[in-house]
Structure formats: structure tokens, C-alpha cells
PDB file of N, CA and C in Angstrom:
ATOM      1  N   MET A   1       0.837  -1.173   0.000  1.00  0.00           N
ATOM      2  CA  MET A   1       0.000   0.000   0.000  1.00  0.00           C
ATOM      3  C   MET A   1       0.888   1.244   0.000  1.00  0.00           C
ATOM      4  N   VAL A   2       0.552   2.187  -0.854  1.00  0.00           N
ATOM      5  CA  VAL A   2       1.271   3.450  -0.936  1.00  0.00           C
ATOM      6  C   VAL A   2       0.482   4.501  -0.177  1.00  0.00           C
ATOM      7  N   ARG A   3       1.162   5.241   0.692  1.00  0.00           N
ATOM      8  CA  ARG A   3       0.461   6.194   1.555  1.00  0.00           C
ATOM      9  C   ARG A   3       0.644   7.649   1.174  1.00  0.00           C
ATOM     10  N   ASN A   4       1.654   7.962   0.349  1.00  0.00           N
ATOM     11  CA  ASN A   4       1.887   9.375   0.024  1.00  0.00           C
ATOM     12  C   ASN A   4       2.722   9.488  -1.253  1.00  0.00           C
ATOM     13  N   ALA A   5       2.862  10.714  -1.723  1.00  0.00           N
ATOM     14  CA  ALA A   5       3.579  10.965  -2.973  1.00  0.00           C
ATOM     15  C   ALA A   5       5.045  10.546  -2.886  1.00  0.00           C
ATOM     16  N   GLU A   6       5.667  10.725  -1.725  1.00  0.00           N
ATOM     17  CA  GLU A   6       7.082  10.349  -1.594  1.00  0.00           C
ATOM     18  C   GLU A   6       7.277   8.851  -1.801  1.00  0.00           C
ATOM     19  N   GLU A   7       6.361   8.044  -1.311  1.00  0.00           N
ATOM     20  CA  GLU A   7       6.456   6.598  -1.528  1.00  0.00           C
ATOM     21  C   GLU A   7       6.272   6.247  -3.000  1.00  0.00           C
ATOM     22  N   ILE A   8       5.382   6.949  -3.681  1.00  0.00           N
ATOM     23  CA  ILE A   8       5.204   6.723  -5.119  1.00  0.00           C
ATOM     24  C   ILE A   8       6.494   7.070  -5.849  1.00  0.00           C
ATOM     25  N   LEU A   9       7.113   8.187  -5.490  1.00  0.00           N
ATOM     26  CA  LEU A   9       8.370   8.592  -6.122  1.00  0.00           C
ATOM     27  C   LEU A   9       9.470   7.562  -5.877  1.00  0.00           C
ATOM     28  N   THR A  10       9.549   7.042  -4.665  1.00  0.00           N
ATOM     29  CA  THR A  10      10.567   6.038  -4.344  1.00  0.00           C
ATOM     30  C   THR A  10      10.357   4.773  -5.172  1.00  0.00           C
ATOM     31  N   LEU A  11       9.136   4.286  -5.225  1.00  0.00           N
ATOM     32  CA  LEU A  11       8.846   3.076  -6.005  1.00  0.00           C
ATOM     33  C   LEU A  11       9.098   3.303  -7.493  1.00  0.00           C
ATOM     34  N   THR A  12       8.781   4.495  -7.968  1.00  0.00           N
ATOM     35  CA  THR A  12       9.028   4.820  -9.371  1.00  0.00           C
ATOM     36  C   THR A  12      10.524   4.878  -9.651  1.00  0.00           C
ATOM     37  N   SER A  13      11.279   5.500  -8.769  1.00  0.00           N
ATOM     38  CA  SER A  13      12.721   5.656  -8.995  1.00  0.00           C
ATOM     39  C   SER A  13      13.471   4.328  -8.957  1.00  0.00           C
ATOM     40  N   THR A  14      12.921   3.350  -8.258  1.00  0.00           N
ATOM     41  CA  THR A  14      13.568   2.035  -8.198  1.00  0.00           C
ATOM     42  C   THR A  14      13.050   1.085  -9.275  1.00  0.00           C
ATOM     43  N   GLY A  15      12.155   1.581 -10.128  1.00  0.00           N
ATOM     44  CA  GLY A  15      11.654   0.768 -11.229  1.00  0.00           C
ATOM     45  C   GLY A  15      10.579  -0.234 -10.840  1.00  0.00           C
ATOM     46  N   GLN A  16      10.035  -0.130  -9.636  1.00  0.00           N
ATOM     47  CA  GLN A  16       9.015  -1.073  -9.196  1.00  0.00           C
ATOM     48  C   GLN A  16       7.643  -0.753  -9.763  1.00  0.00           C
ATOM     49  N   ILE A  17       7.395   0.528 -10.076  1.00  0.00           N
ATOM     50  CA  ILE A  17       6.112   0.922 -10.656  1.00  0.00           C
ATOM     51  C   ILE A  17       6.338   1.981 -11.725  1.00  0.00           C
ATOM     52  N   VAL A  18       5.334   2.156 -12.555  1.00  0.00           N
ATOM     53  CA  VAL A  18       5.234   3.287 -13.471  1.00  0.00           C
ATOM     54  C   VAL A  18       3.984   4.023 -13.045  1.00  0.00           C
ATOM     55  N   ASN A  19       4.049   5.337 -12.977  1.00  0.00           N
ATOM     56  CA  ASN A  19       2.925   6.098 -12.448  1.00  0.00           C
ATOM     57  C   ASN A  19       2.668   7.331 -13.303  1.00  0.00           C
ATOM     58  N   LEU A  20       1.409   7.695 -13.451  1.00  0.00           N
ATOM     59  CA  LEU A  20       1.064   8.956 -14.096  1.00  0.00           C
ATOM     60  C   LEU A  20       1.107  10.057 -13.048  1.00  0.00           C
ATOM     61  N   PHE A  21       1.909  11.075 -13.317  1.00  0.00           N
ATOM     62  CA  PHE A  21       1.998  12.226 -12.432  1.00  0.00           C
ATOM     63  C   PHE A  21       1.451  13.441 -13.165  1.00  0.00           C
ATOM     64  N   PRO A  22       0.861  14.398 -12.452  1.00  0.00           N
ATOM     65  CA  PRO A  22       0.463  15.642 -13.100  1.00  0.00           C
ATOM     66  C   PRO A  22       1.698  16.455 -13.487  1.00  0.00           C
ATOM     67  N   ALA A  23       1.528  17.363 -14.428  1.00  0.00           N
ATOM     68  CA  ALA A  23       2.662  18.129 -14.977  1.00  0.00           C
ATOM     69  C   ALA A  23       3.421  18.915 -13.920  1.00  0.00           C
ATOM     70  N   HIS A  24       2.757  19.363 -12.863  1.00  0.00           N
ATOM     71  CA  HIS A  24       3.465  20.183 -11.868  1.00  0.00           C
ATOM     72  C   HIS A  24       4.535  19.398 -11.113  1.00  0.00           C
ATOM     73  N   MET A  25       4.527  18.078 -11.227  1.00  0.00           N
ATOM     74  CA  MET A  25       5.573  17.282 -10.565  1.00  0.00           C
ATOM     75  C   MET A  25       6.955  17.673 -11.085  1.00  0.00           C
ATOM     76  N   THR A  26       7.046  18.054 -12.360  1.00  0.00           N
ATOM     77  CA  THR A  26       8.351  18.436 -12.911  1.00  0.00           C
ATOM     78  C   THR A  26       8.866  19.717 -12.290  1.00  0.00           C
ATOM     79  N   ARG A  27       7.977  20.524 -11.746  1.00  0.00           N
ATOM     80  CA  ARG A  27       8.374  21.783 -11.101  1.00  0.00           C
ATOM     81  C   ARG A  27       8.757  21.563  -9.641  1.00  0.00           C
ATOM     82  N   TYR A  28       7.949  20.816  -8.917  1.00  0.00           N
ATOM     83  CA  TYR A  28       8.103  20.734  -7.468  1.00  0.00           C
ATOM     84  C   TYR A  28       8.808  19.468  -6.975  1.00  0.00           C
ATOM     85  N   TRP A  29       8.828  18.403  -7.762  1.00  0.00           N
ATOM     86  CA  TRP A  29       9.500  17.168  -7.364  1.00  0.00           C
ATOM     87  C   TRP A  29      10.422  16.697  -8.471  1.00  0.00           C
ATOM     88  N   ASN A  30      11.239  17.596  -8.962  1.00  0.00           N
ATOM     89  CA  ASN A  30      12.185  17.263 -10.012  1.00  0.00           C
ATOM     90  C   ASN A  30      13.289  16.392  -9.419  1.00  0.00           C
ATOM     91  N   ARG A  31      13.414  15.189  -9.939  1.00  0.00           N
ATOM     92  CA  ARG A  31      14.423  14.249  -9.422  1.00  0.00           C
ATOM     93  C   ARG A  31      15.206  13.663 -10.583  1.00  0.00           C
ATOM     94  N   PRO A  32      16.534  13.567 -10.448  1.00  0.00           N
ATOM     95  CA  PRO A  32      17.346  13.043 -11.544  1.00  0.00           C
ATOM     96  C   PRO A  32      17.147  11.547 -11.781  1.00  0.00           C
ATOM     97  N   ASP A  33      16.559  10.845 -10.823  1.00  0.00           N
ATOM     98  CA  ASP A  33      16.375   9.395 -10.979  1.00  0.00           C
ATOM     99  C   ASP A  33      15.005   9.038 -11.544  1.00  0.00           C
ATOM    100  N   ILE A  34      14.224  10.048 -11.952  1.00  0.00           N
ATOM    101  CA  ILE A  34      12.903   9.800 -12.539  1.00  0.00           C
ATOM    102  C   ILE A  34      12.801  10.578 -13.842  1.00  0.00           C
ATOM    103  N   ALA A  35      12.383   9.905 -14.899  1.00  0.00           N
ATOM    104  CA  ALA A  35      12.144  10.560 -16.190  1.00  0.00           C
ATOM    105  C   ALA A  35      10.656  10.848 -16.312  1.00  0.00           C
ATOM    106  N   TYR A  36      10.312  12.111 -16.460  1.00  0.00           N
ATOM    107  CA  TYR A  36       8.921  12.512 -16.663  1.00  0.00           C
ATOM    108  C   TYR A  36       8.683  12.619 -18.169  1.00  0.00           C
ATOM    109  N   LEU A  37       7.781  11.831 -18.666  1.00  0.00           N
ATOM    110  CA  LEU A  37       7.454  11.847 -20.090  1.00  0.00           C
ATOM    111  C   LEU A  37       6.022  12.328 -20.254  1.00  0.00           C
ATOM    112  N   PRO A  38       5.782  13.286 -21.150  1.00  0.00           N
ATOM    113  CA  PRO A  38       4.428  13.807 -21.300  1.00  0.00           C
ATOM    114  C   PRO A  38       3.499  12.787 -21.951  1.00  0.00           C
ATOM    115  N   VAL A  39       2.258  12.786 -21.502  1.00  0.00           N
ATOM    116  CA  VAL A  39       1.200  12.008 -22.149  1.00  0.00           C
ATOM    117  C   VAL A  39       0.357  13.051 -22.878  1.00  0.00           C
ATOM    118  N   ARG A  40       0.545  13.155 -24.161  1.00  0.00           N
ATOM    119  CA  ARG A  40      -0.027  14.268 -24.922  1.00  0.00           C
ATOM    120  C   ARG A  40      -1.538  14.164 -25.148  1.00  0.00           C
ATOM    121  N   ASP A  41      -2.096  12.970 -25.116  1.00  0.00           N
ATOM    122  CA  ASP A  41      -3.530  12.840 -25.400  1.00  0.00           C
ATOM    123  C   ASP A  41      -4.366  12.702 -24.125  1.00  0.00           C
ATOM    124  N   LEU A  42      -3.853  13.187 -23.010  1.00  0.00           N
ATOM    125  CA  LEU A  42      -4.553  13.149 -21.735  1.00  0.00           C
ATOM    126  C   LEU A  42      -4.862  14.581 -21.309  1.00  0.00           C
ATOM    127  N   ASP A  43      -6.122  14.846 -20.992  1.00  0.00           N
ATOM    128  CA  ASP A  43      -6.503  16.183 -20.547  1.00  0.00           C
ATOM    129  C   ASP A  43      -5.795  16.541 -19.241  1.00  0.00           C
ATOM    130  N   ALA A  44      -5.582  17.831 -19.032  1.00  0.00           N
ATOM    131  CA  ALA A  44      -4.962  18.308 -17.806  1.00  0.00           C
ATOM    132  C   ALA A  44      -5.852  17.981 -16.607  1.00  0.00           C
ATOM    133  N   LEU A  45      -5.218  17.640 -15.500  1.00  0.00           N
ATOM    134  CA  LEU A  45      -5.956  17.389 -14.265  1.00  0.00           C
ATOM    135  C   LEU A  45      -6.260  18.712 -13.587  1.00  0.00           C
ATOM    136  N   ARG A  46      -7.452  18.838 -13.059  1.00  0.00           N
ATOM    137  CA  ARG A  46      -7.829  20.063 -12.347  1.00  0.00           C
ATOM    138  C   ARG A  46      -7.721  19.812 -10.848  1.00  0.00           C
ATOM    139  N   TYR A  47      -7.249  20.811 -10.139  1.00  0.00           N
ATOM    140  CA  TYR A  47      -7.066  20.726  -8.700  1.00  0.00           C
ATOM    141  C   TYR A  47      -7.829  21.852  -8.025  1.00  0.00           C
ATOM    142  N   ALA A  48      -8.159  21.642  -6.794  1.00  0.00           N
ATOM    143  CA  ALA A  48      -8.791  22.695  -5.999  1.00  0.00           C
ATOM    144  C   ALA A  48      -8.373  22.517  -4.547  1.00  0.00           C
ATOM    145  N   MET A  49      -8.293  23.629  -3.839  1.00  0.00           N
ATOM    146  CA  MET A  49      -8.007  23.567  -2.407  1.00  0.00           C
ATOM    147  C   MET A  49      -9.291  23.220  -1.672  1.00  0.00           C
ATOM    148  N   VAL A  50      -9.178  22.356  -0.700  1.00  0.00           N
ATOM    149  CA  VAL A  50     -10.335  22.002   0.119  1.00  0.00           C
ATOM    150  C   VAL A  50      -9.921  21.971   1.586  1.00  0.00           C
ATOM    151  N   TRP A  51     -10.870  22.230   2.454  1.00  0.00           N
ATOM    152  CA  TRP A  51     -10.660  22.116   3.894  1.00  0.00           C
ATOM    153  C   TRP A  51     -12.005  21.913   4.551  1.00  0.00           C
ATOM    154  N   ARG A  52     -11.967  21.361   5.738  1.00  0.00           N
ATOM    155  CA  ARG A  52     -13.198  21.141   6.494  1.00  0.00           C
ATOM    156  C   ARG A  52     -13.721  22.485   7.002  1.00  0.00           C
ATOM    157  N   THR A  53     -15.000  22.721   6.825  1.00  0.00           N
ATOM    158  CA  THR A  53     -15.612  23.985   7.226  1.00  0.00           C
ATOM    159  C   THR A  53     -15.318  24.330   8.681  1.00  0.00           C
ATOM    160  N   GLU A  54     -15.392  23.327   9.539  1.00  0.00           N
ATOM    161  CA  GLU A  54     -15.204  23.612  10.964  1.00  0.00           C
ATOM    162  C   GLU A  54     -13.761  23.977  11.325  1.00  0.00           C
ATOM    163  N   THR A  55     -12.819  23.791  10.399  1.00  0.00           N
ATOM    164  CA  THR A  55     -11.428  24.166  10.679  1.00  0.00           C
ATOM    165  C   THR A  55     -11.030  25.478  10.015  1.00  0.00           C
ATOM    166  N   GLU A  56     -11.939  26.080   9.251  1.00  0.00           N
ATOM    167  CA  GLU A  56     -11.599  27.324   8.549  1.00  0.00           C
ATOM    168  C   GLU A  56     -11.264  28.427   9.554  1.00  0.00           C
ATOM    169  N   ASN A  57     -10.210  29.169   9.209  1.00  0.00           N
ATOM    170  CA  ASN A  57      -9.796  30.275  10.066  1.00  0.00           C
ATOM    171  C   ASN A  57      -9.181  31.371   9.196  1.00  0.00           C
ATOM    172  N   ASP A  58      -8.708  32.428   9.821  1.00  0.00           N
ATOM    173  CA  ASP A  58      -8.142  33.553   9.067  1.00  0.00           C
ATOM    174  C   ASP A  58      -6.933  33.139   8.232  1.00  0.00           C
ATOM    175  N   LEU A  59      -6.094  32.265   8.756  1.00  0.00           N
ATOM    176  CA  LEU A  59      -4.907  31.814   8.026  1.00  0.00           C
ATOM    177  C   LEU A  59      -5.291  31.040   6.768  1.00  0.00           C
ATOM    178  N   ILE A  60      -6.262  30.149   6.879  1.00  0.00           N
ATOM    179  CA  ILE A  60      -6.721  29.377   5.715  1.00  0.00           C
ATOM    180  C   ILE A  60      -7.333  30.313   4.675  1.00  0.00           C
ATOM    181  N   ARG A  61      -8.176  31.242   5.109  1.00  0.00           N
ATOM    182  CA  ARG A  61      -8.797  32.188   4.170  1.00  0.00           C
ATOM    183  C   ARG A  61      -7.729  33.046   3.479  1.00  0.00           C
ATOM    184  N   ALA A  62      -6.712  33.489   4.217  1.00  0.00           N
ATOM    185  CA  ALA A  62      -5.638  34.290   3.618  1.00  0.00           C
ATOM    186  C   ALA A  62      -4.856  33.472   2.592  1.00  0.00           C
ATOM    187  N   PHE A  63      -4.542  32.219   2.919  1.00  0.00           N
ATOM    188  CA  PHE A  63      -3.835  31.350   1.986  1.00  0.00           C
ATOM    189  C   PHE A  63      -4.651  31.136   0.719  1.00  0.00           C
ATOM    190  N   ALA A  64      -5.954  30.900   0.867  1.00  0.00           N
ATOM    191  CA  ALA A  64      -6.826  30.696  -0.287  1.00  0.00           C
ATOM    192  C   ALA A  64      -6.862  31.937  -1.176  1.00  0.00           C
ATOM    193  N   LEU A  65      -6.868  33.124  -0.579  1.00  0.00           N
ATOM    194  CA  LEU A  65      -6.859  34.361  -1.365  1.00  0.00           C
ATOM    195  C   LEU A  65      -5.557  34.526  -2.145  1.00  0.00           C
ATOM    196  N   VAL A  66      -4.429  34.220  -1.498  1.00  0.00           N
ATOM    197  CA  VAL A  66      -3.140  34.314  -2.191  1.00  0.00           C
ATOM    198  C   VAL A  66      -3.093  33.322  -3.352  1.00  0.00           C
ATOM    199  N   ALA A  67      -3.525  32.096  -3.129  1.00  0.00           N
ATOM    200  CA  ALA A  67      -3.535  31.090  -4.194  1.00  0.00           C
ATOM    201  C   ALA A  67      -4.433  31.527  -5.345  1.00  0.00           C
ATOM    202  N   ALA A  68      -5.595  32.086  -5.039  1.00  0.00           N
ATOM    203  CA  ALA A  68      -6.499  32.556  -6.086  1.00  0.00           C
ATOM    204  C   ALA A  68      -5.873  33.721  -6.855  1.00  0.00           C
ATOM    205  N   ASP A  69      -5.197  34.622  -6.158  1.00  0.00           N
ATOM    206  CA  ASP A  69      -4.548  35.756  -6.815  1.00  0.00           C
ATOM    207  C   ASP A  69      -3.417  35.306  -7.738  1.00  0.00           C
ATOM    208  N   LEU A  70      -2.645  34.312  -7.308  1.00  0.00           N
ATOM    209  CA  LEU A  70      -1.535  33.810  -8.123  1.00  0.00           C
ATOM    210  C   LEU A  70      -2.021  33.077  -9.361  1.00  0.00           C
ATOM    211  N   GLY A  71      -3.115  32.345  -9.219  1.00  0.00           N
ATOM    212  CA  GLY A  71      -3.632  31.563 -10.333  1.00  0.00           C
ATOM    213  C   GLY A  71      -2.750  30.361 -10.609  1.00  0.00           C
ATOM    214  N   PRO A  72      -3.049  29.633 -11.664  1.00  0.00           N
ATOM    215  CA  PRO A  72      -2.278  28.425 -11.973  1.00  0.00           C
ATOM    216  C   PRO A  72      -0.864  28.763 -12.449  1.00  0.00           C
ATOM    217  N   LEU A  73       0.092  27.943 -12.048  1.00  0.00           N
ATOM    218  CA  LEU A  73       1.465  28.092 -12.503  1.00  0.00           C
ATOM    219  C   LEU A  73       1.748  27.036 -13.560  1.00  0.00           C
ATOM    220  N   PRO A  74       2.326  27.408 -14.680  1.00  0.00           N
ATOM    221  CA  PRO A  74       2.627  26.409 -15.711  1.00  0.00           C
ATOM    222  C   PRO A  74       3.772  25.499 -15.268  1.00  0.00           C
ATOM    223  N   ALA A  75       3.741  24.269 -15.756  1.00  0.00           N
ATOM    224  CA  ALA A  75       4.861  23.354 -15.506  1.00  0.00           C
ATOM    225  C   ALA A  75       6.081  23.863 -16.253  1.00  0.00           C
ATOM    226  N   VAL A  76       7.248  23.554 -15.754  1.00  0.00           N
ATOM    227  CA  VAL A  76       8.483  23.963 -16.412  1.00  0.00           C
ATOM    228  C   VAL A  76       8.726  23.010 -17.581  1.00  0.00           C
ATOM    229  N   PRO A  77       8.710  23.500 -18.821  1.00  0.00           N
ATOM    230  CA  PRO A  77       8.911  22.613 -19.964  1.00  0.00           C
ATOM    231  C   PRO A  77      10.274  21.923 -19.907  1.00  0.00           C
ATOM    232  N   GLY A  78      10.269  20.627 -20.069  1.00  0.00           N
ATOM    233  CA  GLY A  78      11.495  19.861 -20.147  1.00  0.00           C
ATOM    234  C   GLY A  78      12.149  19.509 -18.832  1.00  0.00           C
ATOM    235  N   ALA A  79      11.644  20.017 -17.731  1.00  0.00           N
ATOM    236  CA  ALA A  79      12.268  19.731 -16.431  1.00  0.00           C
ATOM    237  C   ALA A  79      12.094  18.270 -16.067  1.00  0.00           C
ATOM    238  N   GLY A  80      13.132  17.673 -15.588  1.00  0.00           N
ATOM    239  CA  GLY A  80      13.064  16.314 -15.110  1.00  0.00           C
ATOM    240  C   GLY A  80      13.163  15.247 -16.184  1.00  0.00           C
ATOM    241  N   ARG A  81      13.282  15.647 -17.426  1.00  0.00           N
ATOM    242  CA  ARG A  81      13.371  14.637 -18.494  1.00  0.00           C
ATOM    243  C   ARG A  81      14.804  14.236 -18.737  1.00  0.00           C
ATOM    244  N   ARG A  82      14.976  12.990 -19.118  1.00  0.00           N
ATOM    245  CA  ARG A  82      16.318  12.504 -19.449  1.00  0.00           C
ATOM    246  C   ARG A  82      16.376  12.165 -20.913  1.00  0.00           C
TER     247      ARG A  82
END
């Protein structure tokens, strides 16, 4: 059982699995032991921030506003490819 992204990266880097990652992985988890290859006929994955209503606070609302102001960041073309 895989519990988090780091475990997926470890299994991928050792050749135990092949995994589809979203394009932003090349920006934030660029690793020399993993080759990221684009899947050109697959639509982009959409993401959204979520949190439990009862845990919402000023810090969460401020973070959500900053993320909305920044908007989506493009993946770095060619990063992480071998």
C-alpha cells in the first residue's frame, strides 16, 4: 500500500512501478532518478483547495486568497526529463 507521494516517487525511482503524475511534478519534485514523459492525449488534471468547514480560520482564508490571486502556474517545460 502506498500512503503518500514520496512513496510513489521512491517506487518509481527504483523501477518497481510506473505512475502517471500531473505536470506540476516536474516543477516541485524534479528528481534526476525519474524521467517525466508527457502524455499528450490526456486532458490536464484540475485541482482545488479544500478544507473542512469547521477548521476554517483567518490563516486558511488568507492562503486561499493568495492562491487565487496567483492563479495556476505552468509546468516547467522539459524539467526532469532525461
